[in-house]
Amino acid sequence: MNTNKTDDFLNVIESNKGILYKVAISYCRNNEDRKDLIQEIILQLWKSYDNYNQTHKYSTWMYRICLNVAISFYRKQNSRKRISNALTSDIFDFSDTEISHEKEADLSILNQVISELNDFNKALMLLYLEEKSYKEISEIMGITQTNVATKIGRIKIKIKKEFTQFKNK
C-alpha cells in the first residue's frame, strides 16, 4: 500500500471529518448505527479516492459520497422502521440555556417536520442548513443550481405549512 496515498487520504478525512459526523448524525439516531455508517462512509471514500476529480473541493466530493452512502444505509437500516429524528443537536443546538421553552418547542417541531422529508429532500435541507451555496449543493447532489433553488423553495413552503399545522394543534 502506498503510504503517501494513505497519509493524503487520512489528512483529507481529518480535515473534513465534520462532514462525516453531520451526515451520520442526520441519518442515524442510534450511536452504534452512526459508528457503522461512518465506517461504511470511510470505506467508500477510500474506494473512491483514486477517482477524486481535483476540479472539485474535497468537501464537495465527500458530501456527495457521504450522502449517497447515508441514504443507502438509511434505507437498509430502516426497511422495518422510520427514523423519527434526522437532524439533531448538531444542527439545532439545544444546549443554550437561554433558549426559551417556546423556542425549544418550535425547534423540536421543525426538526420533526424536516425528519419526515424524503431522503433526497433531507439531504438538500442538511446542505442548505449548513449554508452551502446553491452551486455547492448542485455539485454535491448532481442537479442544476436552478433545480436546487426550486426544490429548496418548495421544501421551505412545505415545511412552513406543516410547521404551522403542528403549531395550531
N, C-alpha and C. Protein backbone atom coordinates (compact mmCIF):
# COMPACT_ATOMS: atom_id res chain seq x y z
N MET A 1 0.84 -1.18 0.00
CA MET A 1 0.00 0.00 0.00
C MET A 1 0.89 1.25 0.00
N ASN A 2 0.49 2.20 -0.77
CA ASN A 2 1.24 3.43 -0.90
C ASN A 2 1.00 4.31 0.34
N THR A 3 2.06 4.49 1.15
CA THR A 3 1.91 5.24 2.40
C THR A 3 1.58 6.70 2.13
N ASN A 4 2.12 7.27 1.06
CA ASN A 4 1.83 8.66 0.73
C ASN A 4 0.34 8.82 0.43
N LYS A 5 -0.22 7.89 -0.34
CA LYS A 5 -1.65 7.92 -0.66
C LYS A 5 -2.46 7.78 0.64
N THR A 6 -2.06 6.85 1.48
CA THR A 6 -2.76 6.63 2.74
C THR A 6 -2.69 7.87 3.62
N ASP A 7 -1.53 8.46 3.72
CA ASP A 7 -1.37 9.69 4.52
C ASP A 7 -2.22 10.83 3.96
N ASP A 8 -2.21 10.99 2.63
CA ASP A 8 -3.02 12.03 2.00
C ASP A 8 -4.51 11.81 2.30
N PHE A 9 -4.94 10.55 2.15
CA PHE A 9 -6.34 10.22 2.42
C PHE A 9 -6.71 10.53 3.88
N LEU A 10 -5.86 10.10 4.81
CA LEU A 10 -6.13 10.35 6.22
C LEU A 10 -6.17 11.84 6.54
N ASN A 11 -5.33 12.62 5.88
CA ASN A 11 -5.35 14.08 6.07
C ASN A 11 -6.66 14.69 5.56
N VAL A 12 -7.14 14.20 4.41
CA VAL A 12 -8.41 14.68 3.86
C VAL A 12 -9.54 14.34 4.83
N ILE A 13 -9.56 13.12 5.33
CA ILE A 13 -10.60 12.70 6.28
C ILE A 13 -10.54 13.55 7.54
N GLU A 14 -9.36 13.73 8.07
CA GLU A 14 -9.19 14.51 9.30
C GLU A 14 -9.64 15.96 9.09
N SER A 15 -9.30 16.53 7.96
CA SER A 15 -9.65 17.93 7.67
C SER A 15 -11.14 18.14 7.46
N ASN A 16 -11.82 17.07 7.06
CA ASN A 16 -13.24 17.19 6.72
C ASN A 16 -14.13 16.27 7.55
N LYS A 17 -13.65 15.84 8.70
CA LYS A 17 -14.40 14.87 9.50
C LYS A 17 -15.74 15.40 9.98
N GLY A 18 -15.87 16.70 10.07
CA GLY A 18 -17.15 17.28 10.46
C GLY A 18 -18.27 16.88 9.52
N ILE A 19 -17.94 16.75 8.24
CA ILE A 19 -18.93 16.33 7.25
C ILE A 19 -19.43 14.93 7.59
N LEU A 20 -18.50 14.05 7.91
CA LEU A 20 -18.86 12.67 8.26
C LEU A 20 -19.83 12.65 9.43
N TYR A 21 -19.50 13.39 10.47
CA TYR A 21 -20.31 13.38 11.68
C TYR A 21 -21.68 14.01 11.46
N LYS A 22 -21.73 15.11 10.72
CA LYS A 22 -23.01 15.77 10.46
C LYS A 22 -23.94 14.86 9.67
N VAL A 23 -23.41 14.21 8.66
CA VAL A 23 -24.24 13.31 7.86
C VAL A 23 -24.68 12.12 8.71
N ALA A 24 -23.76 11.53 9.46
CA ALA A 24 -24.09 10.37 10.29
C ALA A 24 -25.15 10.74 11.33
N ILE A 25 -25.01 11.88 11.96
CA ILE A 25 -25.99 12.31 12.96
C ILE A 25 -27.34 12.57 12.30
N SER A 26 -27.32 13.08 11.09
CA SER A 26 -28.57 13.38 10.40
C SER A 26 -29.34 12.13 10.00
N TYR A 27 -28.64 11.05 9.75
CA TYR A 27 -29.30 9.84 9.24
C TYR A 27 -29.41 8.72 10.26
N CYS A 28 -28.74 8.82 11.39
CA CYS A 28 -28.78 7.74 12.39
C CYS A 28 -29.04 8.31 13.77
N ARG A 29 -30.03 7.77 14.41
CA ARG A 29 -30.35 8.21 15.76
C ARG A 29 -29.49 7.48 16.78
N ASN A 30 -29.25 6.22 16.54
CA ASN A 30 -28.53 5.34 17.45
C ASN A 30 -27.02 5.52 17.27
N ASN A 31 -26.29 5.62 18.38
CA ASN A 31 -24.84 5.83 18.34
C ASN A 31 -24.11 4.69 17.61
N GLU A 32 -24.54 3.46 17.84
CA GLU A 32 -23.89 2.32 17.18
C GLU A 32 -24.12 2.36 15.67
N ASP A 33 -25.33 2.73 15.26
CA ASP A 33 -25.61 2.87 13.83
C ASP A 33 -24.74 3.97 13.21
N ARG A 34 -24.55 5.06 13.96
CA ARG A 34 -23.69 6.15 13.47
C ARG A 34 -22.27 5.65 13.22
N LYS A 35 -21.76 4.88 14.18
CA LYS A 35 -20.40 4.34 14.03
C LYS A 35 -20.32 3.45 12.79
N ASP A 36 -21.33 2.60 12.60
CA ASP A 36 -21.36 1.72 11.42
C ASP A 36 -21.41 2.54 10.14
N LEU A 37 -22.24 3.57 10.14
CA LEU A 37 -22.36 4.42 8.96
C LEU A 37 -21.04 5.13 8.67
N ILE A 38 -20.40 5.66 9.68
CA ILE A 38 -19.12 6.34 9.49
C ILE A 38 -18.09 5.38 8.91
N GLN A 39 -18.06 4.16 9.41
CA GLN A 39 -17.13 3.16 8.86
C GLN A 39 -17.44 2.90 7.40
N GLU A 40 -18.71 2.75 7.07
CA GLU A 40 -19.12 2.49 5.69
C GLU A 40 -18.75 3.68 4.78
N ILE A 41 -18.96 4.88 5.29
CA ILE A 41 -18.62 6.07 4.51
C ILE A 41 -17.12 6.12 4.25
N ILE A 42 -16.32 5.89 5.29
CA ILE A 42 -14.86 5.94 5.13
C ILE A 42 -14.40 4.87 4.13
N LEU A 43 -15.00 3.70 4.21
CA LEU A 43 -14.65 2.64 3.25
C LEU A 43 -14.95 3.09 1.82
N GLN A 44 -16.12 3.67 1.61
CA GLN A 44 -16.49 4.13 0.27
C GLN A 44 -15.62 5.30 -0.19
N LEU A 45 -15.26 6.17 0.75
CA LEU A 45 -14.35 7.27 0.40
C LEU A 45 -13.00 6.72 -0.05
N TRP A 46 -12.51 5.71 0.67
CA TRP A 46 -11.23 5.10 0.32
C TRP A 46 -11.31 4.46 -1.07
N LYS A 47 -12.39 3.74 -1.32
CA LYS A 47 -12.56 3.08 -2.63
C LYS A 47 -12.65 4.10 -3.76
N SER A 48 -13.18 5.28 -3.45
CA SER A 48 -13.36 6.32 -4.47
C SER A 48 -12.21 7.30 -4.55
N TYR A 49 -11.27 7.18 -3.65
CA TYR A 49 -10.20 8.18 -3.54
C TYR A 49 -9.39 8.33 -4.83
N ASP A 50 -9.11 7.23 -5.50
CA ASP A 50 -8.34 7.30 -6.75
C ASP A 50 -9.11 8.01 -7.86
N ASN A 51 -10.43 8.05 -7.74
CA ASN A 51 -11.27 8.67 -8.77
C ASN A 51 -11.64 10.11 -8.45
N TYR A 52 -11.08 10.66 -7.37
CA TYR A 52 -11.38 12.03 -6.98
C TYR A 52 -11.03 12.99 -8.12
N ASN A 53 -11.99 13.85 -8.46
CA ASN A 53 -11.82 14.85 -9.52
C ASN A 53 -11.33 16.14 -8.88
N GLN A 54 -10.09 16.51 -9.16
CA GLN A 54 -9.47 17.64 -8.49
C GLN A 54 -10.03 19.00 -8.90
N THR A 55 -10.99 19.01 -9.82
CA THR A 55 -11.63 20.29 -10.16
C THR A 55 -12.66 20.68 -9.10
N HIS A 56 -13.00 19.73 -8.21
CA HIS A 56 -13.94 20.00 -7.11
C HIS A 56 -13.18 20.03 -5.80
N LYS A 57 -13.80 20.69 -4.82
CA LYS A 57 -13.20 20.71 -3.49
C LYS A 57 -13.39 19.33 -2.85
N TYR A 58 -12.50 18.98 -1.93
CA TYR A 58 -12.65 17.71 -1.21
C TYR A 58 -13.99 17.66 -0.49
N SER A 59 -14.41 18.79 0.07
CA SER A 59 -15.67 18.78 0.83
C SER A 59 -16.85 18.44 -0.08
N THR A 60 -16.85 18.93 -1.30
CA THR A 60 -17.92 18.61 -2.25
C THR A 60 -17.92 17.12 -2.55
N TRP A 61 -16.74 16.58 -2.84
CA TRP A 61 -16.59 15.15 -3.12
C TRP A 61 -17.06 14.32 -1.92
N MET A 62 -16.66 14.74 -0.72
CA MET A 62 -17.04 14.00 0.48
C MET A 62 -18.54 14.07 0.74
N TYR A 63 -19.13 15.25 0.61
CA TYR A 63 -20.56 15.36 0.82
C TYR A 63 -21.33 14.43 -0.11
N ARG A 64 -20.92 14.42 -1.35
CA ARG A 64 -21.63 13.59 -2.33
C ARG A 64 -21.57 12.11 -1.93
N ILE A 65 -20.40 11.63 -1.60
CA ILE A 65 -20.25 10.23 -1.20
C ILE A 65 -20.94 9.96 0.13
N CYS A 66 -20.73 10.84 1.10
CA CYS A 66 -21.36 10.67 2.42
C CYS A 66 -22.88 10.57 2.30
N LEU A 67 -23.47 11.48 1.55
CA LEU A 67 -24.93 11.48 1.42
C LEU A 67 -25.42 10.24 0.68
N ASN A 68 -24.73 9.84 -0.38
CA ASN A 68 -25.15 8.64 -1.10
C ASN A 68 -25.06 7.40 -0.22
N VAL A 69 -23.97 7.27 0.51
CA VAL A 69 -23.81 6.12 1.41
C VAL A 69 -24.86 6.19 2.53
N ALA A 70 -25.06 7.37 3.09
CA ALA A 70 -26.03 7.52 4.18
C ALA A 70 -27.44 7.17 3.73
N ILE A 71 -27.81 7.61 2.55
CA ILE A 71 -29.16 7.30 2.04
C ILE A 71 -29.31 5.79 1.85
N SER A 72 -28.30 5.16 1.28
CA SER A 72 -28.35 3.70 1.12
C SER A 72 -28.41 3.00 2.47
N PHE A 73 -27.59 3.44 3.39
CA PHE A 73 -27.54 2.86 4.74
C PHE A 73 -28.88 3.05 5.43
N TYR A 74 -29.42 4.24 5.32
CA TYR A 74 -30.72 4.57 5.92
C TYR A 74 -31.80 3.63 5.40
N ARG A 75 -31.82 3.44 4.10
CA ARG A 75 -32.84 2.57 3.51
C ARG A 75 -32.68 1.14 3.98
N LYS A 76 -31.42 0.68 4.06
CA LYS A 76 -31.17 -0.68 4.54
C LYS A 76 -31.60 -0.84 5.99
N GLN A 77 -31.14 0.08 6.83
CA GLN A 77 -31.39 0.00 8.27
C GLN A 77 -32.86 0.18 8.62
N ASN A 78 -33.60 0.86 7.77
CA ASN A 78 -34.96 1.23 8.13
C ASN A 78 -36.01 0.61 7.24
N SER A 79 -35.74 -0.55 6.73
CA SER A 79 -36.76 -1.22 5.93
C SER A 79 -37.95 -1.60 6.79
N ARG A 80 -37.76 -1.75 8.10
CA ARG A 80 -38.84 -2.10 9.01
C ARG A 80 -39.36 -0.91 9.82
N LYS A 81 -38.57 0.16 9.90
CA LYS A 81 -38.98 1.30 10.72
C LYS A 81 -38.46 2.60 10.12
N ARG A 82 -38.98 3.72 10.58
CA ARG A 82 -38.52 5.03 10.12
C ARG A 82 -37.78 5.73 11.23
N ILE A 83 -36.81 6.53 10.86
CA ILE A 83 -36.10 7.36 11.86
C ILE A 83 -37.00 8.56 12.17
N SER A 84 -37.18 8.85 13.42
CA SER A 84 -38.06 9.95 13.78
C SER A 84 -37.30 11.27 13.93
N ASN A 85 -35.96 11.17 13.89
CA ASN A 85 -35.21 12.41 14.10
C ASN A 85 -33.99 12.43 13.18
N ALA A 86 -34.08 13.12 12.04
CA ALA A 86 -32.97 13.12 11.09
C ALA A 86 -31.95 14.22 11.39
N LEU A 87 -32.42 15.35 11.82
CA LEU A 87 -31.50 16.45 12.10
C LEU A 87 -31.49 16.66 13.60
N THR A 88 -30.34 16.47 14.22
CA THR A 88 -30.28 16.51 15.68
C THR A 88 -29.51 17.71 16.18
N SER A 89 -29.03 17.60 17.39
CA SER A 89 -28.45 18.74 18.07
C SER A 89 -27.22 19.32 17.39
N ASP A 90 -26.64 18.64 16.41
CA ASP A 90 -25.52 19.24 15.69
C ASP A 90 -25.99 20.44 14.87
N ILE A 91 -27.24 20.39 14.41
CA ILE A 91 -27.77 21.48 13.61
C ILE A 91 -28.54 22.45 14.49
N PHE A 92 -29.36 21.90 15.41
CA PHE A 92 -30.11 22.72 16.34
C PHE A 92 -29.48 22.55 17.71
N ASP A 93 -28.85 23.58 18.20
CA ASP A 93 -28.15 23.47 19.47
C ASP A 93 -29.11 23.74 20.62
N PHE A 94 -29.51 22.68 21.30
CA PHE A 94 -30.43 22.82 22.43
C PHE A 94 -29.68 23.04 23.74
N SER A 95 -28.36 23.13 23.71
CA SER A 95 -27.60 23.28 24.94
C SER A 95 -27.64 24.70 25.49
N ASP A 96 -28.02 25.67 24.69
CA ASP A 96 -28.06 27.05 25.13
C ASP A 96 -29.17 27.23 26.16
N THR A 97 -28.78 27.57 27.37
CA THR A 97 -29.75 27.68 28.46
C THR A 97 -30.69 28.86 28.29
N GLU A 98 -30.36 29.79 27.41
CA GLU A 98 -31.22 30.95 27.22
C GLU A 98 -32.32 30.72 26.20
N ILE A 99 -32.35 29.53 25.57
CA ILE A 99 -33.42 29.23 24.63
C ILE A 99 -34.70 29.06 25.43
N SER A 100 -35.72 29.79 25.05
CA SER A 100 -36.99 29.70 25.78
C SER A 100 -37.64 28.36 25.49
N HIS A 101 -38.56 27.99 26.36
CA HIS A 101 -39.29 26.74 26.16
C HIS A 101 -40.07 26.77 24.86
N GLU A 102 -40.65 27.92 24.54
CA GLU A 102 -41.41 28.04 23.30
C GLU A 102 -40.50 27.86 22.07
N LYS A 103 -39.35 28.50 22.13
CA LYS A 103 -38.42 28.38 21.01
C LYS A 103 -37.91 26.94 20.90
N GLU A 104 -37.65 26.30 22.02
CA GLU A 104 -37.22 24.91 22.02
C GLU A 104 -38.30 24.01 21.42
N ALA A 105 -39.55 24.29 21.78
CA ALA A 105 -40.67 23.52 21.22
C ALA A 105 -40.77 23.75 19.71
N ASP A 106 -40.58 25.00 19.28
CA ASP A 106 -40.61 25.31 17.85
C ASP A 106 -39.50 24.56 17.10
N LEU A 107 -38.30 24.54 17.67
CA LEU A 107 -37.20 23.82 17.04
C LEU A 107 -37.48 22.32 16.98
N SER A 108 -38.10 21.82 18.02
CA SER A 108 -38.45 20.40 18.05
C SER A 108 -39.45 20.07 16.94
N ILE A 109 -40.46 20.93 16.78
CA ILE A 109 -41.45 20.73 15.71
C ILE A 109 -40.78 20.82 14.35
N LEU A 110 -39.93 21.83 14.17
CA LEU A 110 -39.21 22.00 12.91
C LEU A 110 -38.36 20.76 12.61
N ASN A 111 -37.68 20.29 13.63
CA ASN A 111 -36.84 19.10 13.50
C ASN A 111 -37.68 17.90 13.06
N GLN A 112 -38.85 17.75 13.66
CA GLN A 112 -39.73 16.63 13.31
C GLN A 112 -40.23 16.75 11.88
N VAL A 113 -40.62 17.95 11.47
CA VAL A 113 -41.10 18.16 10.11
C VAL A 113 -40.01 17.83 9.10
N ILE A 114 -38.80 18.29 9.36
CA ILE A 114 -37.68 18.02 8.45
C ILE A 114 -37.37 16.52 8.41
N SER A 115 -37.47 15.85 9.55
CA SER A 115 -37.15 14.43 9.59
C SER A 115 -38.11 13.59 8.76
N GLU A 116 -39.29 14.14 8.47
CA GLU A 116 -40.29 13.41 7.69
C GLU A 116 -40.13 13.62 6.19
N LEU A 117 -39.17 14.43 5.78
CA LEU A 117 -38.91 14.62 4.35
C LEU A 117 -38.32 13.35 3.77
N ASN A 118 -38.45 13.19 2.44
CA ASN A 118 -37.80 12.04 1.81
C ASN A 118 -36.28 12.22 1.85
N ASP A 119 -35.56 11.15 1.57
CA ASP A 119 -34.10 11.15 1.71
C ASP A 119 -33.43 12.29 0.93
N PHE A 120 -33.84 12.48 -0.30
CA PHE A 120 -33.22 13.49 -1.15
C PHE A 120 -33.45 14.89 -0.57
N ASN A 121 -34.70 15.18 -0.18
CA ASN A 121 -35.01 16.50 0.36
C ASN A 121 -34.34 16.73 1.71
N LYS A 122 -34.20 15.68 2.51
CA LYS A 122 -33.48 15.79 3.78
C LYS A 122 -32.03 16.19 3.51
N ALA A 123 -31.44 15.55 2.51
CA ALA A 123 -30.05 15.86 2.15
C ALA A 123 -29.94 17.31 1.69
N LEU A 124 -30.88 17.76 0.87
CA LEU A 124 -30.87 19.15 0.42
C LEU A 124 -30.96 20.11 1.61
N MET A 125 -31.86 19.81 2.55
CA MET A 125 -32.02 20.69 3.70
C MET A 125 -30.78 20.67 4.59
N LEU A 126 -30.15 19.51 4.74
CA LEU A 126 -28.91 19.43 5.52
C LEU A 126 -27.87 20.37 4.93
N LEU A 127 -27.70 20.32 3.62
CA LEU A 127 -26.72 21.18 2.96
C LEU A 127 -27.14 22.65 3.04
N TYR A 128 -28.42 22.92 2.89
CA TYR A 128 -28.93 24.29 3.00
C TYR A 128 -28.69 24.85 4.40
N LEU A 129 -28.99 24.04 5.42
CA LEU A 129 -28.78 24.47 6.80
C LEU A 129 -27.29 24.62 7.13
N GLU A 130 -26.45 23.93 6.36
CA GLU A 130 -25.00 24.08 6.51
C GLU A 130 -24.50 25.33 5.79
N GLU A 131 -25.44 26.07 5.21
CA GLU A 131 -25.16 27.31 4.49
C GLU A 131 -24.27 27.11 3.27
N LYS A 132 -24.45 25.96 2.62
CA LYS A 132 -23.76 25.72 1.36
C LYS A 132 -24.44 26.55 0.28
N SER A 133 -23.65 27.02 -0.68
CA SER A 133 -24.23 27.79 -1.78
C SER A 133 -25.00 26.85 -2.70
N TYR A 134 -25.90 27.42 -3.50
CA TYR A 134 -26.64 26.58 -4.44
C TYR A 134 -25.69 25.89 -5.41
N LYS A 135 -24.60 26.56 -5.74
CA LYS A 135 -23.61 25.96 -6.63
C LYS A 135 -22.99 24.71 -5.97
N GLU A 136 -22.59 24.84 -4.70
CA GLU A 136 -22.01 23.71 -3.99
C GLU A 136 -23.03 22.57 -3.85
N ILE A 137 -24.27 22.94 -3.51
CA ILE A 137 -25.31 21.92 -3.36
C ILE A 137 -25.54 21.20 -4.68
N SER A 138 -25.54 21.95 -5.78
CA SER A 138 -25.77 21.33 -7.09
C SER A 138 -24.65 20.35 -7.44
N GLU A 139 -23.42 20.71 -7.10
CA GLU A 139 -22.29 19.81 -7.36
C GLU A 139 -22.37 18.55 -6.49
N ILE A 140 -22.76 18.73 -5.25
CA ILE A 140 -22.84 17.60 -4.33
C ILE A 140 -23.99 16.67 -4.71
N MET A 141 -25.13 17.25 -5.02
CA MET A 141 -26.34 16.45 -5.27
C MET A 141 -26.47 16.01 -6.73
N GLY A 142 -25.69 16.63 -7.61
CA GLY A 142 -25.74 16.23 -9.02
C GLY A 142 -26.96 16.75 -9.75
N ILE A 143 -27.46 17.91 -9.34
CA ILE A 143 -28.58 18.55 -10.03
C ILE A 143 -28.19 19.99 -10.33
N THR A 144 -28.97 20.65 -11.19
CA THR A 144 -28.62 22.02 -11.57
C THR A 144 -28.90 22.98 -10.42
N GLN A 145 -28.26 24.14 -10.47
CA GLN A 145 -28.48 25.17 -9.46
C GLN A 145 -29.93 25.64 -9.46
N THR A 146 -30.52 25.73 -10.64
CA THR A 146 -31.92 26.12 -10.76
C THR A 146 -32.81 25.10 -10.07
N ASN A 147 -32.50 23.83 -10.26
CA ASN A 147 -33.25 22.76 -9.63
C ASN A 147 -33.09 22.82 -8.11
N VAL A 148 -31.88 23.11 -7.65
CA VAL A 148 -31.64 23.26 -6.22
C VAL A 148 -32.53 24.37 -5.66
N ALA A 149 -32.51 25.53 -6.31
CA ALA A 149 -33.30 26.67 -5.84
C ALA A 149 -34.79 26.33 -5.83
N THR A 150 -35.26 25.69 -6.88
CA THR A 150 -36.68 25.32 -6.97
C THR A 150 -37.06 24.34 -5.87
N LYS A 151 -36.25 23.29 -5.70
CA LYS A 151 -36.56 22.28 -4.69
C LYS A 151 -36.50 22.86 -3.28
N ILE A 152 -35.50 23.67 -3.00
CA ILE A 152 -35.40 24.27 -1.66
C ILE A 152 -36.58 25.20 -1.41
N GLY A 153 -36.97 25.97 -2.43
CA GLY A 153 -38.14 26.84 -2.29
C GLY A 153 -39.39 26.04 -1.97
N ARG A 154 -39.59 24.93 -2.67
CA ARG A 154 -40.76 24.09 -2.42
C ARG A 154 -40.70 23.43 -1.04
N ILE A 155 -39.51 23.00 -0.66
CA ILE A 155 -39.35 22.37 0.66
C ILE A 155 -39.66 23.39 1.75
N LYS A 156 -39.18 24.62 1.58
CA LYS A 156 -39.44 25.67 2.58
C LYS A 156 -40.94 25.91 2.74
N ILE A 157 -41.66 25.96 1.61
CA ILE A 157 -43.11 26.16 1.65
C ILE A 157 -43.77 24.99 2.38
N LYS A 158 -43.35 23.79 2.06
CA LYS A 158 -43.92 22.59 2.70
C LYS A 158 -43.63 22.60 4.20
N ILE A 159 -42.39 22.91 4.57
CA ILE A 159 -42.02 22.94 5.98
C ILE A 159 -42.83 24.00 6.72
N LYS A 160 -42.95 25.19 6.11
CA LYS A 160 -43.70 26.27 6.75
C LYS A 160 -45.16 25.86 6.97
N LYS A 161 -45.76 25.23 5.96
CA LYS A 161 -47.15 24.80 6.05
C LYS A 161 -47.31 23.75 7.17
N GLU A 162 -46.46 22.74 7.16
CA GLU A 162 -46.55 21.68 8.17
C GLU A 162 -46.22 22.21 9.56
N PHE A 163 -45.25 23.12 9.64
CA PHE A 163 -44.90 23.73 10.93
C PHE A 163 -46.10 24.46 11.50
N THR A 164 -46.78 25.23 10.65
CA THR A 164 -47.96 25.97 11.09
C THR A 164 -49.06 25.02 11.55
N GLN A 165 -49.25 23.92 10.83
CA GLN A 165 -50.27 22.94 11.23
C GLN A 165 -49.93 22.33 12.59
N PHE A 166 -48.65 22.00 12.82
CA PHE A 166 -48.23 21.46 14.11
C PHE A 166 -48.49 22.47 15.22
N LYS A 167 -48.14 23.72 14.97
CA LYS A 167 -48.29 24.78 15.99
C LYS A 167 -49.76 24.99 16.36
N ASN A 168 -50.66 24.79 15.38
CA ASN A 168 -52.07 25.05 15.61
C ASN A 168 -52.82 23.85 16.20
N LYS A 169 -52.13 22.76 16.44
CA LYS A 169 -52.79 21.57 17.01
C LYS A 169 -53.06 21.76 18.47
